[in-house]
Protein backbone atom coordinates (compact mmCIF):
# COMPACT_ATOMS: atom_id res chain seq x y z
CA MET A 1 -88.48 -62.70 49.78
CA GLN A 2 -85.08 -61.44 48.61
CA VAL A 3 -85.15 -57.84 47.39
CA LYS A 4 -82.65 -55.56 45.70
CA THR A 5 -83.67 -51.92 45.90
CA LYS A 6 -82.61 -48.39 46.70
CA ALA A 7 -83.57 -47.06 50.12
CA ILE A 8 -83.53 -43.63 51.77
CA VAL A 9 -82.75 -43.65 55.50
CA LEU A 10 -85.42 -41.80 57.48
CA SER A 11 -84.28 -42.62 61.01
CA SER A 12 -82.04 -44.89 63.07
CA LEU A 13 -82.60 -45.79 66.70
CA LYS A 14 -80.00 -47.40 68.92
CA TYR A 15 -81.24 -50.68 70.36
CA GLN A 16 -79.58 -52.00 73.51
CA GLU A 17 -75.81 -51.49 73.42
CA LYS A 18 -74.68 -52.46 69.94
CA SER A 19 -77.64 -52.67 67.56
CA LEU A 20 -79.79 -50.34 65.47
CA ILE A 21 -83.37 -50.22 64.23
CA VAL A 22 -83.34 -48.36 60.92
CA LYS A 23 -86.43 -46.99 59.20
CA CYS A 24 -86.09 -46.63 55.42
CA PHE A 25 -88.27 -45.48 52.55
CA THR A 26 -87.54 -48.07 49.87
CA GLU A 27 -88.07 -47.74 46.14
CA SER A 28 -89.57 -51.23 45.91
CA ASP A 29 -91.82 -51.46 48.96
CA GLY A 30 -92.30 -48.06 50.58
CA LEU A 31 -91.63 -47.94 54.33
CA LYS A 32 -89.56 -50.71 55.86
CA SER A 33 -87.86 -51.06 59.24
CA TYR A 34 -84.68 -53.10 59.60
CA PHE A 35 -82.82 -54.61 62.53
CA VAL A 36 -79.04 -54.14 62.33
CA PRO A 37 -77.36 -56.37 64.94
CA SER A 38 -73.95 -55.42 66.29
CA ALA A 39 -73.88 -52.22 64.27
CA TYR A 40 -71.45 -50.71 66.79
CA SER A 41 -69.19 -53.70 67.16
CA ALA A 42 -68.42 -54.91 63.65
CA LYS A 43 -64.89 -54.59 62.30
CA LYS A 44 -66.04 -51.79 59.99
CA ALA A 45 -68.23 -50.20 62.64
CA ASN A 46 -67.60 -46.60 61.63
CA GLN A 47 -68.31 -47.31 58.00
CA LYS A 48 -71.45 -49.23 58.89
CA ILE A 49 -72.84 -46.52 61.13
CA ALA A 50 -72.19 -43.98 58.36
CA TYR A 51 -74.66 -45.80 56.14
CA PHE A 52 -77.50 -44.85 58.44
CA GLN A 53 -77.15 -41.08 58.64
CA PRO A 54 -80.34 -39.11 57.85
CA LEU A 55 -81.46 -39.23 54.19
CA THR A 56 -78.51 -41.32 53.02
CA VAL A 57 -79.45 -43.11 49.79
CA LEU A 58 -78.49 -46.78 49.89
CA GLU A 59 -78.49 -49.73 47.56
CA ILE A 60 -79.55 -52.73 49.60
CA GLU A 61 -80.17 -56.42 49.34
CA ALA A 62 -82.58 -57.51 52.01
CA SER A 63 -84.79 -60.31 53.20
CA HIS A 64 -88.40 -59.06 53.36
CA LYS A 65 -90.79 -61.31 55.24
CA ASN A 66 -93.59 -58.71 54.94
CA LYS A 67 -95.17 -59.77 58.23
CA GLY A 68 -95.04 -56.38 59.93
CA THR A 69 -91.89 -57.36 61.81
CA LEU A 70 -88.36 -55.99 61.48
CA GLU A 71 -86.61 -56.96 58.25
CA HIS A 72 -82.90 -57.72 57.80
CA PHE A 73 -80.24 -56.42 55.42
CA LYS A 74 -78.05 -58.88 53.53
CA GLU A 75 -75.88 -56.33 51.71
CA ILE A 76 -75.59 -52.53 52.02
CA ARG A 77 -73.70 -49.98 49.96
CA LEU A 78 -74.01 -46.29 49.26
CA ALA A 79 -76.01 -45.43 46.15
CA HIS A 80 -74.54 -41.91 46.28
CA SER A 81 -71.60 -40.55 48.24
CA TYR A 82 -72.53 -37.04 49.38
CA TYR A 83 -69.82 -34.43 48.88
CA THR A 84 -71.19 -31.47 50.86
CA ILE A 85 -74.26 -32.57 52.83
CA THR A 86 -72.21 -34.22 55.58
CA THR A 87 -69.77 -31.32 56.00
CA ASP A 88 -71.90 -28.20 55.41
CA ILE A 89 -73.68 -27.17 58.64
CA VAL A 90 -76.64 -25.63 56.80
CA LYS A 91 -77.17 -28.67 54.59
CA SER A 92 -76.69 -31.19 57.38
CA THR A 93 -79.21 -29.28 59.52
CA LEU A 94 -81.69 -29.25 56.63
CA VAL A 95 -81.27 -32.99 56.16
CA ILE A 96 -81.83 -33.77 59.83
CA PHE A 97 -84.95 -31.59 59.85
CA LEU A 98 -86.35 -33.06 56.63
CA SER A 99 -85.66 -36.63 57.73
CA GLU A 100 -87.90 -35.97 60.74
CA ILE A 101 -90.57 -34.45 58.51
CA LEU A 102 -90.55 -37.48 56.19
CA HIS A 103 -90.38 -39.90 59.13
CA HIS A 104 -93.70 -38.53 60.41
CA ALA A 105 -95.27 -37.82 57.00
CA ILE A 106 -94.73 -41.09 55.08
CA LYS A 107 -97.03 -43.66 56.66
CA GLU A 108 -97.75 -46.43 54.22
CA GLU A 109 -95.89 -49.65 53.54
CA GLU A 110 -96.58 -49.44 49.84
CA LYS A 111 -94.59 -48.56 46.76
CA ASN A 112 -94.49 -44.88 45.81
CA GLN A 113 -91.82 -44.79 43.14
CA ASN A 114 -92.63 -41.23 42.04
CA LEU A 115 -92.05 -39.92 45.56
CA PHE A 116 -88.86 -41.94 45.87
CA SER A 117 -87.51 -40.59 42.56
CA PHE A 118 -88.37 -37.03 43.56
CA LEU A 119 -86.61 -37.32 46.92
CA GLU A 120 -83.50 -38.94 45.44
CA THR A 121 -83.23 -36.24 42.75
CA ALA A 122 -83.83 -33.47 45.31
CA LEU A 123 -81.10 -34.77 47.64
CA LEU A 124 -78.58 -34.94 44.80
CA TRP A 125 -79.52 -31.36 43.88
CA LEU A 126 -78.94 -30.27 47.49
CA ASP A 127 -75.54 -31.94 47.54
CA THR A 128 -74.36 -30.15 44.38
CA HIS A 129 -75.68 -26.59 44.86
CA ASP A 130 -74.62 -23.78 47.16
CA GLU A 131 -77.73 -21.60 47.38
CA VAL A 132 -80.13 -23.75 49.38
CA THR A 133 -81.92 -21.47 51.85
CA ASN A 134 -85.38 -22.29 50.46
CA PHE A 135 -84.72 -25.98 49.83
CA HIS A 136 -86.68 -27.31 52.81
CA LEU A 137 -89.68 -25.10 52.04
CA ILE A 138 -89.83 -26.19 48.40
CA LEU A 139 -89.32 -29.85 49.24
CA MET A 140 -92.05 -29.82 51.90
CA THR A 141 -94.41 -28.18 49.40
CA GLU A 142 -93.60 -30.62 46.59
CA VAL A 143 -93.93 -33.68 48.85
CA THR A 144 -97.61 -32.85 49.39
CA LYS A 145 -98.19 -33.67 45.70
CA TYR A 146 -97.15 -37.27 46.33
CA LEU A 147 -99.01 -37.59 49.64
CA GLY A 148 -102.28 -36.26 48.25
CA PHE A 149 -102.78 -32.83 49.77
CA TYR A 150 -101.03 -30.36 47.46
CA PRO A 151 -102.80 -26.98 47.56
CA ASP A 152 -105.47 -26.52 44.90
CA ASP A 153 -104.17 -23.46 43.02
CA SER A 154 -106.96 -23.28 40.42
CA GLU A 155 -108.31 -20.13 42.13
CA ILE A 156 -104.96 -18.72 43.19
CA ASP A 157 -106.07 -15.13 42.54
CA TYR A 158 -108.36 -15.24 45.58
CA PRO A 159 -106.88 -13.34 48.55
CA TYR A 160 -106.94 -16.06 51.24
CA PHE A 161 -105.71 -19.64 51.52
CA ASP A 162 -107.83 -22.07 53.53
CA SER A 163 -105.35 -24.43 55.17
CA LYS A 164 -107.95 -26.99 56.20
CA GLU A 165 -109.64 -27.29 52.81
CA GLY A 166 -106.44 -26.71 50.84
CA TYR A 167 -107.72 -24.09 48.40
CA PHE A 168 -107.79 -20.35 47.84
CA THR A 169 -110.95 -18.49 48.74
CA PRO A 170 -112.40 -14.94 48.75
CA PHE A 171 -113.68 -15.45 52.31
CA GLN A 172 -111.96 -15.58 55.68
CA ASN A 173 -112.57 -18.23 58.34
CA ALA A 174 -110.74 -19.82 61.28
CA TYR A 175 -108.43 -21.74 58.94
CA THR A 176 -107.52 -19.07 56.40
CA LEU A 177 -104.12 -17.46 56.29
CA SER A 178 -103.93 -13.67 56.50
CA ASP A 179 -103.66 -11.76 53.24
CA HIS A 180 -99.92 -11.25 53.84
CA GLU A 181 -99.35 -14.93 54.65
CA THR A 182 -101.35 -15.94 51.60
CA HIS A 183 -99.30 -13.61 49.39
CA VAL A 184 -96.02 -15.13 50.63
CA PHE A 185 -97.42 -18.65 50.27
CA LYS A 186 -98.44 -17.99 46.65
CA ARG A 187 -94.86 -17.00 45.87
CA LEU A 188 -93.59 -20.24 47.39
CA LEU A 189 -95.91 -22.33 45.20
CA GLN A 190 -94.25 -20.84 42.11
CA LEU A 191 -90.68 -21.69 43.17
CA LYS A 192 -88.44 -24.49 41.93
CA PHE A 193 -85.12 -25.57 43.44
CA ASP A 194 -83.25 -23.53 40.81
CA SER A 195 -85.25 -20.34 41.49
CA ASP A 196 -83.61 -17.28 43.05
CA GLN A 197 -82.94 -18.26 46.68
CA LYS A 198 -83.01 -14.62 47.82
CA VAL A 199 -86.68 -14.16 46.97
CA PHE A 200 -87.66 -14.34 50.66
CA ALA A 201 -86.44 -12.42 53.69
CA GLY A 202 -85.52 -14.49 56.74
CA SER A 203 -88.73 -13.47 58.51
CA GLU A 204 -90.78 -14.62 55.51
CA ARG A 205 -89.08 -18.03 55.56
CA GLN A 206 -90.05 -18.39 59.23
CA VAL A 207 -93.66 -17.54 58.35
CA LEU A 208 -93.66 -20.08 55.52
CA LEU A 209 -92.17 -22.78 57.72
CA LYS A 210 -94.95 -22.29 60.27
CA ILE A 211 -97.58 -22.36 57.50
CA LEU A 212 -96.22 -25.64 56.13
CA LEU A 213 -95.90 -27.32 59.52
CA ASP A 214 -99.47 -26.31 60.39
CA TYR A 215 -100.62 -27.53 56.97
CA TYR A 216 -98.98 -30.93 57.49
CA THR A 217 -100.50 -31.15 60.97
CA LEU A 218 -103.99 -30.52 59.57
CA HIS A 219 -103.69 -33.08 56.78
CA LEU A 220 -101.60 -35.90 58.29
CA GLU A 221 -103.02 -37.72 61.27
CA GLY A 222 -100.48 -38.02 64.06
CA PHE A 223 -97.94 -35.69 62.43
CA LYS A 224 -95.45 -34.31 64.93
CA LYS A 225 -93.37 -31.19 64.57
CA PRO A 226 -89.66 -32.10 64.37
CA LYS A 227 -87.48 -31.89 67.46
CA SER A 228 -84.81 -30.27 65.27
CA LEU A 229 -87.10 -27.30 64.44
CA GLU A 230 -85.40 -24.94 66.89
CA VAL A 231 -81.95 -25.87 65.55
CA LEU A 232 -83.14 -25.14 62.03
CA LYS A 233 -84.48 -21.73 63.10
CA GLU A 234 -81.16 -20.96 64.80
CA VAL A 235 -79.16 -21.84 61.67
CA PHE A 236 -81.38 -19.66 59.47
CA SER A 237 -81.80 -16.77 61.92
């Protein structure tokens, strides 16, 4: 089946000497993996490789056999040319980290247009704004809405958050955050991308990052913490 769709690059893996296997989250079909032969040897090799950087948004024409095997691109072009993400060390580090998060978090080969639209809009926001220190925390929180485990905030006045059950509670157990962690987490739930980026101290962002990674681990089977985590911590230290 021939498909025209937008696609967000989640990962690319070198195969043998010259080829790539590229995993994308597509607007039309959810997760798809593509085989790119001779990606390193084509006449426009540099340009071609540039298409497959983390969280690049593409417009593609592809042949989808939908048999669980690798698909093939027919045409590729950039849907958006990033202006700052590729040159700003903070933003590029965020993008590498978040691509790993999404690579492990998005599991299904099914359409999720609302999630796609959110991610595309969020990436364009990142590219066009300077104050982005909470971007990854807000995005990770918002993504849980589309994956089905957003925290139930109907009883947000309770002093503890139960990470396993995903709600606020008056009682402590093995899965509840401390009162301080819960207080910081409540503040995160109220933030939008345009909120004041200086609302958290660096130490609080580290606490929130651990909370979110643990939360993802509890609610997504097989979720792995990103290899780029230590680089992210170094950039934001």
